[in-house]
PDB file of N, CA and C in Angstrom:
ATOM      1  N   UNK A   1      31.508  24.236  56.426  1.00  0.00           N
ATOM      2  CA  UNK A   1      30.267  24.668  55.988  1.00  0.00           C
ATOM      3  C   UNK A   1      29.544  25.275  57.172  1.00  0.00           C
ATOM      4  N   UNK A   2      28.915  26.528  56.948  1.00  0.00           N
ATOM      5  CA  UNK A   2      28.096  27.168  57.975  1.00  0.00           C
ATOM      6  C   UNK A   2      26.564  26.937  57.536  1.00  0.00           C
ATOM      7  N   UNK A   3      25.834  26.500  58.533  1.00  0.00           N
ATOM      8  CA  UNK A   3      24.405  26.337  58.443  1.00  0.00           C
ATOM      9  C   UNK A   3      23.794  27.649  58.973  1.00  0.00           C
ATOM     10  N   UNK A   4      22.715  27.950  58.273  1.00  0.00           N
ATOM     11  CA  UNK A   4      21.807  28.953  58.816  1.00  0.00           C
ATOM     12  C   UNK A   4      20.626  28.236  59.297  1.00  0.00           C
ATOM     13  N   UNK A   5      20.200  28.604  60.715  1.00  0.00           N
ATOM     14  CA  UNK A   5      19.036  28.094  61.271  1.00  0.00           C
ATOM     15  C   UNK A   5      17.877  28.959  61.142  1.00  0.00           C
ATOM     16  N   UNK A   6      16.825  28.287  60.577  1.00  0.00           N
ATOM     17  CA  UNK A   6      15.479  29.024  60.637  1.00  0.00           C
ATOM     18  C   UNK A   6      14.654  28.840  61.808  1.00  0.00           C
ATOM     19  N   UNK A   7      14.123  29.781  62.321  1.00  0.00           N
ATOM     20  CA  UNK A   7      13.427  29.696  63.597  1.00  0.00           C
ATOM     21  C   UNK A   7      12.301  30.767  63.497  1.00  0.00           C
ATOM     22  N   UNK A   8      10.937  30.326  63.662  1.00  0.00           N
ATOM     23  CA  UNK A   8       9.877  31.393  63.735  1.00  0.00           C
ATOM     24  C   UNK A   8       9.001  31.050  64.755  1.00  0.00           C
ATOM     25  N   UNK A   9       8.589  32.035  65.402  1.00  0.00           N
ATOM     26  CA  UNK A   9       7.513  31.793  66.568  1.00  0.00           C
ATOM     27  C   UNK A   9       6.034  31.585  66.037  1.00  0.00           C
ATOM     28  N   UNK A  10       6.099  31.631  64.750  1.00  0.00           N
ATOM     29  CA  UNK A  10       4.729  31.281  64.173  1.00  0.00           C
ATOM     30  C   UNK A  10       4.499  29.816  63.968  1.00  0.00           C
ATOM     31  N   UNK A  11       5.434  28.902  64.261  1.00  0.00           N
ATOM     32  CA  UNK A  11       5.395  27.540  64.278  1.00  0.00           C
ATOM     33  C   UNK A  11       5.927  27.018  65.729  1.00  0.00           C
ATOM     34  N   UNK A  12       5.503  25.774  66.066  1.00  0.00           N
ATOM     35  CA  UNK A  12       5.996  25.390  67.365  1.00  0.00           C
ATOM     36  C   UNK A  12       7.416  25.238  67.452  1.00  0.00           C
ATOM     37  N   UNK A  13       8.016  25.630  68.615  1.00  0.00           N
ATOM     38  CA  UNK A  13       9.561  25.562  68.702  1.00  0.00           C
ATOM     39  C   UNK A  13       9.990  24.085  68.775  1.00  0.00           C
ATOM     40  N   UNK A  14      11.098  23.746  68.546  1.00  0.00           N
ATOM     41  CA  UNK A  14      11.757  22.543  68.537  1.00  0.00           C
ATOM     42  C   UNK A  14      11.600  22.015  70.033  1.00  0.00           C
ATOM     43  N   UNK A  15      11.192  20.660  70.111  1.00  0.00           N
ATOM     44  CA  UNK A  15      11.062  19.951  71.452  1.00  0.00           C
ATOM     45  C   UNK A  15      12.035  19.006  71.656  1.00  0.00           C
ATOM     46  N   UNK A  16      13.293  19.219  71.155  1.00  0.00           N
ATOM     47  CA  UNK A  16      14.418  18.070  71.191  1.00  0.00           C
ATOM     48  C   UNK A  16      15.575  18.832  70.526  1.00  0.00           C
ATOM     49  N   UNK A  17      16.554  17.912  70.284  1.00  0.00           N
ATOM     50  CA  UNK A  17      17.765  18.389  69.576  1.00  0.00           C
ATOM     51  C   UNK A  17      17.763  18.398  68.028  1.00  0.00           C
ATOM     52  N   UNK A  18      16.855  19.442  67.609  1.00  0.00           N
ATOM     53  CA  UNK A  18      16.756  19.611  66.240  1.00  0.00           C
ATOM     54  C   UNK A  18      16.255  21.111  66.000  1.00  0.00           C
ATOM     55  N   UNK A  19      16.449  21.619  64.781  1.00  0.00           N
ATOM     56  CA  UNK A  19      15.962  22.942  64.274  1.00  0.00           C
ATOM     57  C   UNK A  19      14.691  22.775  63.460  1.00  0.00           C
ATOM     58  N   UNK A  20      14.006  23.933  63.482  1.00  0.00           N
ATOM     59  CA  UNK A  20      12.703  23.965  62.708  1.00  0.00           C
ATOM     60  C   UNK A  20      13.012  23.738  61.252  1.00  0.00           C
ATOM     61  N   UNK A  21      14.247  24.402  60.818  1.00  0.00           N
ATOM     62  CA  UNK A  21      14.697  24.237  59.417  1.00  0.00           C
ATOM     63  C   UNK A  21      16.131  24.651  59.257  1.00  0.00           C
ATOM     64  N   UNK A  22      16.777  24.247  58.261  1.00  0.00           N
ATOM     65  CA  UNK A  22      18.159  24.549  58.172  1.00  0.00           C
ATOM     66  C   UNK A  22      18.431  24.951  56.724  1.00  0.00           C
ATOM     67  N   UNK A  23      19.160  26.058  56.415  1.00  0.00           N
ATOM     68  CA  UNK A  23      19.521  26.394  55.076  1.00  0.00           C
ATOM     69  C   UNK A  23      21.039  26.142  54.964  1.00  0.00           C
ATOM     70  N   UNK A  24      21.422  25.360  54.039  1.00  0.00           N
ATOM     71  CA  UNK A  24      22.785  25.000  53.736  1.00  0.00           C
ATOM     72  C   UNK A  24      23.226  25.909  52.578  1.00  0.00           C
ATOM     73  N   UNK A  25      24.528  26.308  52.798  1.00  0.00           N
ATOM     74  CA  UNK A  25      25.128  27.079  51.527  1.00  0.00           C
ATOM     75  C   UNK A  25      25.398  26.097  50.401  1.00  0.00           C
ATOM     76  N   UNK A  26      25.890  26.767  49.361  1.00  0.00           N
ATOM     77  CA  UNK A  26      26.097  25.965  48.146  1.00  0.00           C
ATOM     78  C   UNK A  26      27.229  25.005  48.555  1.00  0.00           C
ATOM     79  N   UNK A  27      27.080  23.729  47.967  1.00  0.00           N
ATOM     80  CA  UNK A  27      27.984  22.706  48.247  1.00  0.00           C
ATOM     81  C   UNK A  27      27.530  21.357  47.675  1.00  0.00           C
ATOM     82  N   UNK A  28      28.060  20.264  48.079  1.00  0.00           N
ATOM     83  CA  UNK A  28      27.608  19.053  47.449  1.00  0.00           C
ATOM     84  C   UNK A  28      26.656  18.401  48.495  1.00  0.00           C
ATOM     85  N   UNK A  29      25.513  18.067  48.074  1.00  0.00           N
ATOM     86  CA  UNK A  29      24.582  17.474  48.772  1.00  0.00           C
ATOM     87  C   UNK A  29      24.679  15.929  48.804  1.00  0.00           C
ATOM     88  N   UNK A  30      24.818  15.300  49.938  1.00  0.00           N
ATOM     89  CA  UNK A  30      24.984  13.901  49.939  1.00  0.00           C
ATOM     90  C   UNK A  30      23.711  13.241  50.771  1.00  0.00           C
ATOM     91  N   UNK A  31      23.055  12.212  50.076  1.00  0.00           N
ATOM     92  CA  UNK A  31      21.921  11.658  50.776  1.00  0.00           C
ATOM     93  C   UNK A  31      22.446  10.393  51.153  1.00  0.00           C
ATOM     94  N   UNK A  32      22.305  10.101  52.516  1.00  0.00           N
ATOM     95  CA  UNK A  32      22.705   8.897  53.044  1.00  0.00           C
ATOM     96  C   UNK A  32      21.581   7.928  53.141  1.00  0.00           C
ATOM     97  N   UNK A  33      21.726   6.715  52.895  1.00  0.00           N
ATOM     98  CA  UNK A  33      20.782   5.643  53.170  1.00  0.00           C
ATOM     99  C   UNK A  33      20.696   5.394  54.512  1.00  0.00           C
ATOM    100  N   UNK A  34      19.448   4.772  55.033  1.00  0.00           N
ATOM    101  CA  UNK A  34      19.302   4.531  56.302  1.00  0.00           C
ATOM    102  C   UNK A  34      20.319   3.473  56.904  1.00  0.00           C
ATOM    103  N   UNK A  35      20.716   3.728  58.283  1.00  0.00           N
ATOM    104  CA  UNK A  35      21.683   2.889  58.876  1.00  0.00           C
ATOM    105  C   UNK A  35      20.847   2.161  60.036  1.00  0.00           C
ATOM    106  N   UNK A  36      21.165   0.907  60.171  1.00  0.00           N
ATOM    107  CA  UNK A  36      20.526   0.156  61.329  1.00  0.00           C
ATOM    108  C   UNK A  36      21.669  -0.213  62.166  1.00  0.00           C
ATOM    109  N   UNK A  37      21.566  -0.953  63.291  1.00  0.00           N
ATOM    110  CA  UNK A  37      22.513  -1.384  64.166  1.00  0.00           C
ATOM    111  C   UNK A  37      23.335  -2.632  63.844  1.00  0.00           C
ATOM    112  N   UNK A  38      23.704  -2.716  62.568  1.00  0.00           N
ATOM    113  CA  UNK A  38      24.502  -3.875  62.077  1.00  0.00           C
ATOM    114  C   UNK A  38      25.972  -3.643  62.409  1.00  0.00           C
ATOM    115  N   UNK A  39      26.678  -4.586  62.750  1.00  0.00           N
ATOM    116  CA  UNK A  39      28.281  -4.615  62.970  1.00  0.00           C
ATOM    117  C   UNK A  39      28.809  -4.720  61.638  1.00  0.00           C
ATOM    118  N   UNK A  40      29.603  -3.707  61.216  1.00  0.00           N
ATOM    119  CA  UNK A  40      30.112  -3.852  59.771  1.00  0.00           C
ATOM    120  C   UNK A  40      30.854  -5.157  59.548  1.00  0.00           C
ATOM    121  N   UNK A  41      31.644  -5.634  60.423  1.00  0.00           N
ATOM    122  CA  UNK A  41      32.505  -6.778  60.207  1.00  0.00           C
ATOM    123  C   UNK A  41      31.713  -8.107  60.090  1.00  0.00           C
ATOM    124  N   UNK A  42      30.527  -8.180  60.786  1.00  0.00           N
ATOM    125  CA  UNK A  42      29.633  -9.441  60.745  1.00  0.00           C
ATOM    126  C   UNK A  42      28.361  -9.231  59.936  1.00  0.00           C
ATOM    127  N   UNK A  43      27.829  -8.130  59.762  1.00  0.00           N
ATOM    128  CA  UNK A  43      26.678  -8.051  59.214  1.00  0.00           C
ATOM    129  C   UNK A  43      25.487  -8.355  60.029  1.00  0.00           C
ATOM    130  N   UNK A  44      25.880  -8.563  61.248  1.00  0.00           N
ATOM    131  CA  UNK A  44      24.814  -9.028  62.249  1.00  0.00           C
ATOM    132  C   UNK A  44      24.458  -7.883  63.026  1.00  0.00           C
ATOM    133  N   UNK A  45      23.141  -7.911  63.675  1.00  0.00           N
ATOM    134  CA  UNK A  45      22.682  -6.921  64.609  1.00  0.00           C
ATOM    135  C   UNK A  45      23.598  -6.861  65.766  1.00  0.00           C
ATOM    136  N   UNK A  46      23.829  -5.705  66.251  1.00  0.00           N
ATOM    137  CA  UNK A  46      24.796  -5.626  67.308  1.00  0.00           C
ATOM    138  C   UNK A  46      24.269  -6.302  68.609  1.00  0.00           C
ATOM    139  N   UNK A  47      22.920  -6.150  68.807  1.00  0.00           N
ATOM    140  CA  UNK A  47      22.270  -6.831  70.036  1.00  0.00           C
ATOM    141  C   UNK A  47      20.792  -6.656  69.955  1.00  0.00           C
ATOM    142  N   UNK A  48      20.046  -7.100  70.793  1.00  0.00           N
ATOM    143  CA  UNK A  48      18.560  -7.027  70.894  1.00  0.00           C
ATOM    144  C   UNK A  48      18.217  -5.756  71.654  1.00  0.00           C
ATOM    145  N   UNK A  49      19.209  -5.113  72.342  1.00  0.00           N
ATOM    146  CA  UNK A  49      18.940  -3.977  73.114  1.00  0.00           C
ATOM    147  C   UNK A  49      18.789  -2.616  72.360  1.00  0.00           C
ATOM    148  N   UNK A  50      17.808  -1.903  72.474  1.00  0.00           N
ATOM    149  CA  UNK A  50      17.478  -0.602  71.706  1.00  0.00           C
ATOM    150  C   UNK A  50      18.777   0.175  71.720  1.00  0.00           C
ATOM    151  N   UNK A  51      19.179   0.579  72.892  1.00  0.00           N
ATOM    152  CA  UNK A  51      20.307   1.407  73.130  1.00  0.00           C
ATOM    153  C   UNK A  51      21.552   1.029  72.351  1.00  0.00           C
ATOM    154  N   UNK A  52      21.830  -0.142  72.365  1.00  0.00           N
ATOM    155  CA  UNK A  52      23.045  -0.744  71.525  1.00  0.00           C
ATOM    156  C   UNK A  52      22.804  -0.338  70.120  1.00  0.00           C
ATOM    157  N   UNK A  53      21.581  -0.649  69.656  1.00  0.00           N
ATOM    158  CA  UNK A  53      21.143  -0.404  68.156  1.00  0.00           C
ATOM    159  C   UNK A  53      21.174   0.899  67.873  1.00  0.00           C
ATOM    160  N   UNK A  54      20.781   1.926  68.674  1.00  0.00           N
ATOM    161  CA  UNK A  54      20.852   3.315  68.389  1.00  0.00           C
ATOM    162  C   UNK A  54      22.393   3.778  68.315  1.00  0.00           C
ATOM    163  N   UNK A  55      23.185   3.345  69.240  1.00  0.00           N
ATOM    164  CA  UNK A  55      24.648   3.667  69.371  1.00  0.00           C
ATOM    165  C   UNK A  55      25.506   3.113  67.927  1.00  0.00           C
ATOM    166  N   UNK A  56      25.175   1.879  67.581  1.00  0.00           N
ATOM    167  CA  UNK A  56      25.783   1.238  66.357  1.00  0.00           C
ATOM    168  C   UNK A  56      25.219   1.989  65.087  1.00  0.00           C
ATOM    169  N   UNK A  57      23.938   2.279  65.070  1.00  0.00           N
ATOM    170  CA  UNK A  57      23.365   3.020  63.895  1.00  0.00           C
ATOM    171  C   UNK A  57      24.128   4.456  63.849  1.00  0.00           C
ATOM    172  N   UNK A  58      24.140   4.978  64.785  1.00  0.00           N
ATOM    173  CA  UNK A  58      24.983   6.320  64.805  1.00  0.00           C
ATOM    174  C   UNK A  58      26.348   6.241  64.312  1.00  0.00           C
ATOM    175  N   UNK A  59      26.968   5.140  64.853  1.00  0.00           N
ATOM    176  CA  UNK A  59      28.514   4.908  64.377  1.00  0.00           C
ATOM    177  C   UNK A  59      28.552   4.641  62.930  1.00  0.00           C
ATOM    178  N   UNK A  60      27.591   3.762  62.470  1.00  0.00           N
ATOM    179  CA  UNK A  60      27.551   3.465  61.089  1.00  0.00           C
ATOM    180  C   UNK A  60      27.152   4.605  60.206  1.00  0.00           C
ATOM    181  N   UNK A  61      26.412   5.465  60.685  1.00  0.00           N
ATOM    182  CA  UNK A  61      26.009   6.797  59.839  1.00  0.00           C
ATOM    183  C   UNK A  61      27.321   7.708  59.899  1.00  0.00           C
ATOM    184  N   UNK A  62      27.931   7.825  60.992  1.00  0.00           N
ATOM    185  CA  UNK A  62      29.208   8.613  61.091  1.00  0.00           C
ATOM    186  C   UNK A  62      30.156   8.091  60.045  1.00  0.00           C
ATOM    187  N   UNK A  63      30.371   6.748  59.959  1.00  0.00           N
ATOM    188  CA  UNK A  63      31.475   6.196  59.063  1.00  0.00           C
ATOM    189  C   UNK A  63      30.964   6.548  57.738  1.00  0.00           C
ATOM    190  N   UNK A  64      29.831   6.528  57.309  1.00  0.00           N
ATOM    191  CA  UNK A  64      29.386   6.816  55.845  1.00  0.00           C
ATOM    192  C   UNK A  64      29.522   8.339  55.733  1.00  0.00           C
ATOM    193  N   UNK A  65      29.230   9.105  56.619  1.00  0.00           N
ATOM    194  CA  UNK A  65      29.481  10.573  56.481  1.00  0.00           C
ATOM    195  C   UNK A  65      30.900  10.807  56.249  1.00  0.00           C
ATOM    196  N   UNK A  66      31.786  10.355  57.094  1.00  0.00           N
ATOM    197  CA  UNK A  66      33.285  10.594  57.003  1.00  0.00           C
ATOM    198  C   UNK A  66      33.778  10.004  55.698  1.00  0.00           C
ATOM    199  N   UNK A  67      33.299   8.839  55.162  1.00  0.00           N
ATOM    200  CA  UNK A  67      33.598   8.407  53.864  1.00  0.00           C
ATOM    201  C   UNK A  67      33.295   9.282  52.679  1.00  0.00           C
ATOM    202  N   UNK A  68      32.242  10.166  52.912  1.00  0.00           N
ATOM    203  CA  UNK A  68      31.853  11.002  51.969  1.00  0.00           C
ATOM    204  C   UNK A  68      32.553  12.444  52.071  1.00  0.00           C
ATOM    205  N   UNK A  69      33.476  12.536  52.988  1.00  0.00           N
ATOM    206  CA  UNK A  69      34.155  13.767  53.173  1.00  0.00           C
ATOM    207  C   UNK A  69      33.518  14.710  54.092  1.00  0.00           C
ATOM    208  N   UNK A  70      32.627  14.211  54.949  1.00  0.00           N
ATOM    209  CA  UNK A  70      31.772  15.104  55.845  1.00  0.00           C
ATOM    210  C   UNK A  70      32.226  14.831  57.266  1.00  0.00           C
ATOM    211  N   UNK A  71      31.481  15.566  58.215  1.00  0.00           N
ATOM    212  CA  UNK A  71      31.478  15.442  59.623  1.00  0.00           C
ATOM    213  C   UNK A  71      30.049  15.532  60.041  1.00  0.00           C
ATOM    214  N   UNK A  72      29.761  15.142  61.316  1.00  0.00           N
ATOM    215  CA  UNK A  72      28.502  15.348  61.868  1.00  0.00           C
ATOM    216  C   UNK A  72      27.808  16.604  61.833  1.00  0.00           C
ATOM    217  N   UNK A  73      28.737  17.692  61.905  1.00  0.00           N
ATOM    218  CA  UNK A  73      28.093  19.021  61.742  1.00  0.00           C
ATOM    219  C   UNK A  73      27.592  19.443  60.349  1.00  0.00           C
ATOM    220  N   UNK A  74      27.907  18.538  59.392  1.00  0.00           N
ATOM    221  CA  UNK A  74      27.594  18.691  57.937  1.00  0.00           C
ATOM    222  C   UNK A  74      26.022  18.192  57.818  1.00  0.00           C
ATOM    223  N   UNK A  75      25.400  17.576  58.863  1.00  0.00           N
ATOM    224  CA  UNK A  75      24.013  17.080  58.764  1.00  0.00           C
ATOM    225  C   UNK A  75      23.084  18.216  58.716  1.00  0.00           C
ATOM    226  N   UNK A  76      22.263  18.315  57.645  1.00  0.00           N
ATOM    227  CA  UNK A  76      21.288  19.284  57.674  1.00  0.00           C
ATOM    228  C   UNK A  76      19.839  18.710  57.860  1.00  0.00           C
ATOM    229  N   UNK A  77      19.779  17.375  57.682  1.00  0.00           N
ATOM    230  CA  UNK A  77      18.328  16.695  57.792  1.00  0.00           C
ATOM    231  C   UNK A  77      18.500  15.315  58.347  1.00  0.00           C
ATOM    232  N   UNK A  78      17.903  14.857  59.367  1.00  0.00           N
ATOM    233  CA  UNK A  78      17.798  13.552  59.946  1.00  0.00           C
ATOM    234  C   UNK A  78      16.456  12.934  59.816  1.00  0.00           C
ATOM    235  N   UNK A  79      16.286  11.749  59.620  1.00  0.00           N
ATOM    236  CA  UNK A  79      15.029  11.041  59.798  1.00  0.00           C
ATOM    237  C   UNK A  79      15.407   9.867  60.674  1.00  0.00           C
ATOM    238  N   UNK A  80      14.654   9.649  61.746  1.00  0.00           N
ATOM    239  CA  UNK A  80      14.706   8.665  62.643  1.00  0.00           C
ATOM    240  C   UNK A  80      13.551   7.713  62.538  1.00  0.00           C
ATOM    241  N   UNK A  81      13.686   6.428  62.564  1.00  0.00           N
ATOM    242  CA  UNK A  81      12.561   5.410  62.400  1.00  0.00           C
ATOM    243  C   UNK A  81      12.712   4.638  63.501  1.00  0.00           C
ATOM    244  N   UNK A  82      11.533   4.414  64.272  1.00  0.00           N
ATOM    245  CA  UNK A  82      11.453   3.594  65.476  1.00  0.00           C
ATOM    246  C   UNK A  82      10.318   2.611  65.445  1.00  0.00           C
ATOM    247  N   UNK A  83      10.570   1.403  65.996  1.00  0.00           N
ATOM    248  CA  UNK A  83       9.411   0.523  65.890  1.00  0.00           C
ATOM    249  C   UNK A  83       8.583   0.568  67.174  1.00  0.00           C
ATOM    250  N   UNK A  84       9.219   1.377  68.266  1.00  0.00           N
ATOM    251  CA  UNK A  84       8.472   1.641  69.370  1.00  0.00           C
ATOM    252  C   UNK A  84       8.670   3.170  69.813  1.00  0.00           C
ATOM    253  N   UNK A  85       7.855   3.896  69.647  1.00  0.00           N
ATOM    254  CA  UNK A  85       7.871   5.275  69.777  1.00  0.00           C
ATOM    255  C   UNK A  85       7.990   5.681  71.337  1.00  0.00           C
ATOM    256  N   UNK A  86       7.689   4.623  72.090  1.00  0.00           N
ATOM    257  CA  UNK A  86       7.889   4.810  73.633  1.00  0.00           C
ATOM    258  C   UNK A  86       9.357   4.914  73.860  1.00  0.00           C
ATOM    259  N   UNK A  87      10.187   4.512  72.950  1.00  0.00           N
ATOM    260  CA  UNK A  87      11.712   4.613  73.260  1.00  0.00           C
ATOM    261  C   UNK A  87      12.341   5.751  72.592  1.00  0.00           C
ATOM    262  N   UNK A  88      11.523   6.831  72.153  1.00  0.00           N
ATOM    263  CA  UNK A  88      11.969   7.928  71.475  1.00  0.00           C
ATOM    264  C   UNK A  88      12.888   8.773  72.447  1.00  0.00           C
ATOM    265  N   UNK A  89      12.719   8.801  73.715  1.00  0.00           N
ATOM    266  CA  UNK A  89      13.495   9.575  74.686  1.00  0.00           C
ATOM    267  C   UNK A  89      14.922   9.134  74.710  1.00  0.00           C
ATOM    268  N   UNK A  90      15.100   7.798  74.547  1.00  0.00           N
ATOM    269  CA  UNK A  90      16.480   7.340  74.498  1.00  0.00           C
ATOM    270  C   UNK A  90      17.221   7.853  73.241  1.00  0.00           C
ATOM    271  N   UNK A  91      16.556   7.629  72.082  1.00  0.00           N
ATOM    272  CA  UNK A  91      17.119   8.041  70.936  1.00  0.00           C
ATOM    273  C   UNK A  91      17.497   9.593  70.968  1.00  0.00           C
ATOM    274  N   UNK A  92      16.638  10.323  71.350  1.00  0.00           N
ATOM    275  CA  UNK A  92      16.624  11.856  71.548  1.00  0.00           C
ATOM    276  C   UNK A  92      17.789  12.223  72.307  1.00  0.00           C
ATOM    277  N   UNK A  93      17.952  11.539  73.573  1.00  0.00           N
ATOM    278  CA  UNK A  93      19.011  11.805  74.432  1.00  0.00           C
ATOM    279  C   UNK A  93      20.382  11.534  73.642  1.00  0.00           C
ATOM    280  N   UNK A  94      20.446  10.361  73.142  1.00  0.00           N
ATOM    281  CA  UNK A  94      21.761  10.025  72.433  1.00  0.00           C
ATOM    282  C   UNK A  94      22.139  11.005  71.260  1.00  0.00           C
ATOM    283  N   UNK A  95      20.980  11.373  70.595  1.00  0.00           N
ATOM    284  CA  UNK A  95      21.325  12.407  69.580  1.00  0.00           C
ATOM    285  C   UNK A  95      21.827  13.644  70.099  1.00  0.00           C
ATOM    286  N   UNK A  96      21.155  14.160  71.159  1.00  0.00           N
ATOM    287  CA  UNK A  96      21.743  15.352  71.766  1.00  0.00           C
ATOM    288  C   UNK A  96      23.154  15.264  72.279  1.00  0.00           C
ATOM    289  N   UNK A  97      23.636  14.039  72.681  1.00  0.00           N
ATOM    290  CA  UNK A  97      24.970  13.796  73.182  1.00  0.00           C
ATOM    291  C   UNK A  97      25.976  13.872  71.957  1.00  0.00           C
ATOM    292  N   UNK A  98      25.446  13.284  70.791  1.00  0.00           N
ATOM    293  CA  UNK A  98      26.372  12.933  69.619  1.00  0.00           C
ATOM    294  C   UNK A  98      26.447  14.070  68.745  1.00  0.00           C
ATOM    295  N   UNK A  99      25.445  14.864  68.403  1.00  0.00           N
ATOM    296  CA  UNK A  99      25.458  15.853  67.551  1.00  0.00           C
ATOM    297  C   UNK A  99      25.747  17.331  67.907  1.00  0.00           C
ATOM    298  N   UNK A 100      26.596  18.027  67.334  1.00  0.00           N
ATOM    299  CA  UNK A 100      26.954  19.406  67.638  1.00  0.00           C
ATOM    300  C   UNK A 100      25.872  20.323  67.257  1.00  0.00           C
ATOM    301  N   UNK A 101      25.808  21.474  68.168  1.00  0.00           N
ATOM    302  CA  UNK A 101      24.823  22.428  67.786  1.00  0.00           C
ATOM    303  C   UNK A 101      25.469  23.414  66.709  1.00  0.00           C
ATOM    304  N   UNK A 102      24.669  24.019  66.027  1.00  0.00           N
ATOM    305  CA  UNK A 102      23.045  23.997  65.788  1.00  0.00           C
ATOM    306  C   UNK A 102      22.702  22.618  65.239  1.00  0.00           C
ATOM    307  N   UNK A 103      21.568  22.235  65.755  1.00  0.00           N
ATOM    308  CA  UNK A 103      21.013  20.826  65.300  1.00  0.00           C
ATOM    309  C   UNK A 103      20.596  20.996  64.017  1.00  0.00           C
ATOM    310  N   UNK A 104      20.532  19.792  63.302  1.00  0.00           N
ATOM    311  CA  UNK A 104      19.868  19.644  62.110  1.00  0.00           C
ATOM    312  C   UNK A 104      18.346  19.645  62.174  1.00  0.00           C
ATOM    313  N   UNK A 105      17.650  19.723  60.972  1.00  0.00           N
ATOM    314  CA  UNK A 105      16.299  19.557  61.004  1.00  0.00           C
ATOM    315  C   UNK A 105      16.036  17.961  61.150  1.00  0.00           C
ATOM    316  N   UNK A 106      14.869  17.623  61.778  1.00  0.00           N
ATOM    317  CA  UNK A 106      14.579  16.233  62.072  1.00  0.00           C
ATOM    318  C   UNK A 106      13.262  15.832  61.873  1.00  0.00           C
ATOM    319  N   UNK A 107      12.911  14.577  61.504  1.00  0.00           N
ATOM    320  CA  UNK A 107      11.644  13.999  61.640  1.00  0.00           C
ATOM    321  C   UNK A 107      11.757  12.641  62.382  1.00  0.00           C
ATOM    322  N   UNK A 108      10.799  12.207  62.943  1.00  0.00           N
ATOM    323  CA  UNK A 108      10.798  10.954  63.680  1.00  0.00           C
ATOM    324  C   UNK A 108       9.495  10.283  63.201  1.00  0.00           C
ATOM    325  N   UNK A 109       9.672   8.975  62.765  1.00  0.00           N
ATOM    326  CA  UNK A 109       8.616   8.190  62.293  1.00  0.00           C
ATOM    327  C   UNK A 109       8.383   6.902  63.023  1.00  0.00           C
ATOM    328  N   UNK A 110       7.223   6.454  63.603  1.00  0.00           N
ATOM    329  CA  UNK A 110       7.102   5.206  64.007  1.00  0.00           C
ATOM    330  C   UNK A 110       6.728   4.193  62.938  1.00  0.00           C
ATOM    331  N   UNK A 111       7.315   3.021  62.901  1.00  0.00           N
ATOM    332  CA  UNK A 111       7.206   2.043  61.857  1.00  0.00           C
ATOM    333  C   UNK A 111       6.834   0.729  62.499  1.00  0.00           C
ATOM    334  N   UNK A 112       6.098  -0.041  61.744  1.00  0.00           N
ATOM    335  CA  UNK A 112       5.675  -1.475  62.058  1.00  0.00           C
ATOM    336  C   UNK A 112       6.922  -2.419  62.293  1.00  0.00           C
ATOM    337  N   UNK A 113       7.854  -2.164  61.335  1.00  0.00           N
ATOM    338  CA  UNK A 113       8.990  -3.078  61.250  1.00  0.00           C
ATOM    339  C   UNK A 113      10.125  -2.394  60.447  1.00  0.00           C
ATOM    340  N   UNK A 114      11.345  -3.042  60.656  1.00  0.00           N
ATOM    341  CA  UNK A 114      12.479  -2.565  60.081  1.00  0.00           C
ATOM    342  C   UNK A 114      13.355  -3.776  59.483  1.00  0.00           C
ATOM    343  N   UNK A 115      14.390  -3.568  58.495  1.00  0.00           N
ATOM    344  CA  UNK A 115      15.025  -4.694  58.147  1.00  0.00           C
ATOM    345  C   UNK A 115      15.809  -5.459  59.222  1.00  0.00           C
ATOM    346  N   UNK A 116      15.969  -6.790  59.077  1.00  0.00           N
ATOM    347  CA  UNK A 116      16.636  -7.499  59.974  1.00  0.00           C
ATOM    348  C   UNK A 116      16.283  -7.420  61.470  1.00  0.00           C
ATOM    349  N   UNK A 117      15.075  -7.157  61.657  1.00  0.00           N
ATOM    350  CA  UNK A 117      14.489  -7.016  63.150  1.00  0.00           C
ATOM    351  C   UNK A 117      15.011  -5.771  63.825  1.00  0.00           C
ATOM    352  N   UNK A 118      15.513  -4.976  63.207  1.00  0.00           N
ATOM    353  CA  UNK A 118      16.104  -3.760  63.846  1.00  0.00           C
ATOM    354  C   UNK A 118      14.880  -2.921  64.474  1.00  0.00           C
ATOM    355  N   UNK A 119      15.217  -2.272  65.537  1.00  0.00           N
ATOM    356  CA  UNK A 119      14.436  -1.436  66.281  1.00  0.00           C
ATOM    357  C   UNK A 119      14.443   0.037  66.058  1.00  0.00           C
ATOM    358  N   UNK A 120      15.544   0.412  65.313  1.00  0.00           N
ATOM    359  CA  UNK A 120      16.015   1.818  65.171  1.00  0.00           C
ATOM    360  C   UNK A 120      16.640   1.970  63.795  1.00  0.00           C
ATOM    361  N   UNK A 121      16.305   3.078  62.985  1.00  0.00           N
ATOM    362  CA  UNK A 121      17.085   3.327  61.841  1.00  0.00           C
ATOM    363  C   UNK A 121      17.128   4.818  61.762  1.00  0.00           C
ATOM    364  N   UNK A 122      18.287   5.252  61.093  1.00  0.00           N
ATOM    365  CA  UNK A 122      18.628   6.576  60.995  1.00  0.00           C
ATOM    366  C   UNK A 122      19.076   6.893  59.551  1.00  0.00           C
ATOM    367  N   UNK A 123      18.528   7.933  58.940  1.00  0.00           N
ATOM    368  CA  UNK A 123      19.083   8.354  57.656  1.00  0.00           C
ATOM    369  C   UNK A 123      19.331   9.912  57.632  1.00  0.00           C
ATOM    370  N   UNK A 124      20.277  10.397  56.863  1.00  0.00           N
ATOM    371  CA  UNK A 124      20.672  11.691  56.934  1.00  0.00           C
ATOM    372  C   UNK A 124      20.827  12.347  55.421  1.00  0.00           C
ATOM    373  N   UNK A 125      20.781  13.614  55.443  1.00  0.00           N
ATOM    374  CA  UNK A 125      21.292  14.572  54.280  1.00  0.00           C
ATOM    375  C   UNK A 125      22.323  15.305  54.926  1.00  0.00           C
ATOM    376  N   UNK A 126      23.380  15.369  54.064  1.00  0.00           N
ATOM    377  CA  UNK A 126      24.527  16.297  54.551  1.00  0.00           C
ATOM    378  C   UNK A 126      24.841  17.187  53.375  1.00  0.00           C
ATOM    379  N   UNK A 127      25.647  18.302  53.750  1.00  0.00           N
ATOM    380  CA  UNK A 127      26.162  19.184  52.647  1.00  0.00           C
ATOM    381  C   UNK A 127      27.583  19.253  53.006  1.00  0.00           C
ATOM    382  N   UNK A 128      28.465  19.090  52.048  1.00  0.00           N
ATOM    383  CA  UNK A 128      29.829  19.199  52.312  1.00  0.00           C
ATOM    384  C   UNK A 128      30.412  20.050  51.325  1.00  0.00           C
TER     385      UNK A 128
END
């Protein structure tokens, strides 16, 4: 799949590893449910550390993407949910390391709480 990236100087430039907008060619659109830092084998949170939860949530998301026949480069839209926006830089850095360019579109939302006491959740839309 080839993504077309939309960029305009009439809107603020991306301030991280994301694009202003992404146009995906015809294909199958898959809407992934949010993933938190649960260990698949136990159903328990990987740890209380934010970084560990981000890493595990990304691993869980990758597993669902691969199960749907896709790869990380098929992501066209991500939404990040954080209980502490002060930790956004950590999530942003990890995302930049994990995702290939061109980056998908992305939104980040600060939330009061997440299931099972998670500090981070990620959801995606992919086109395969």
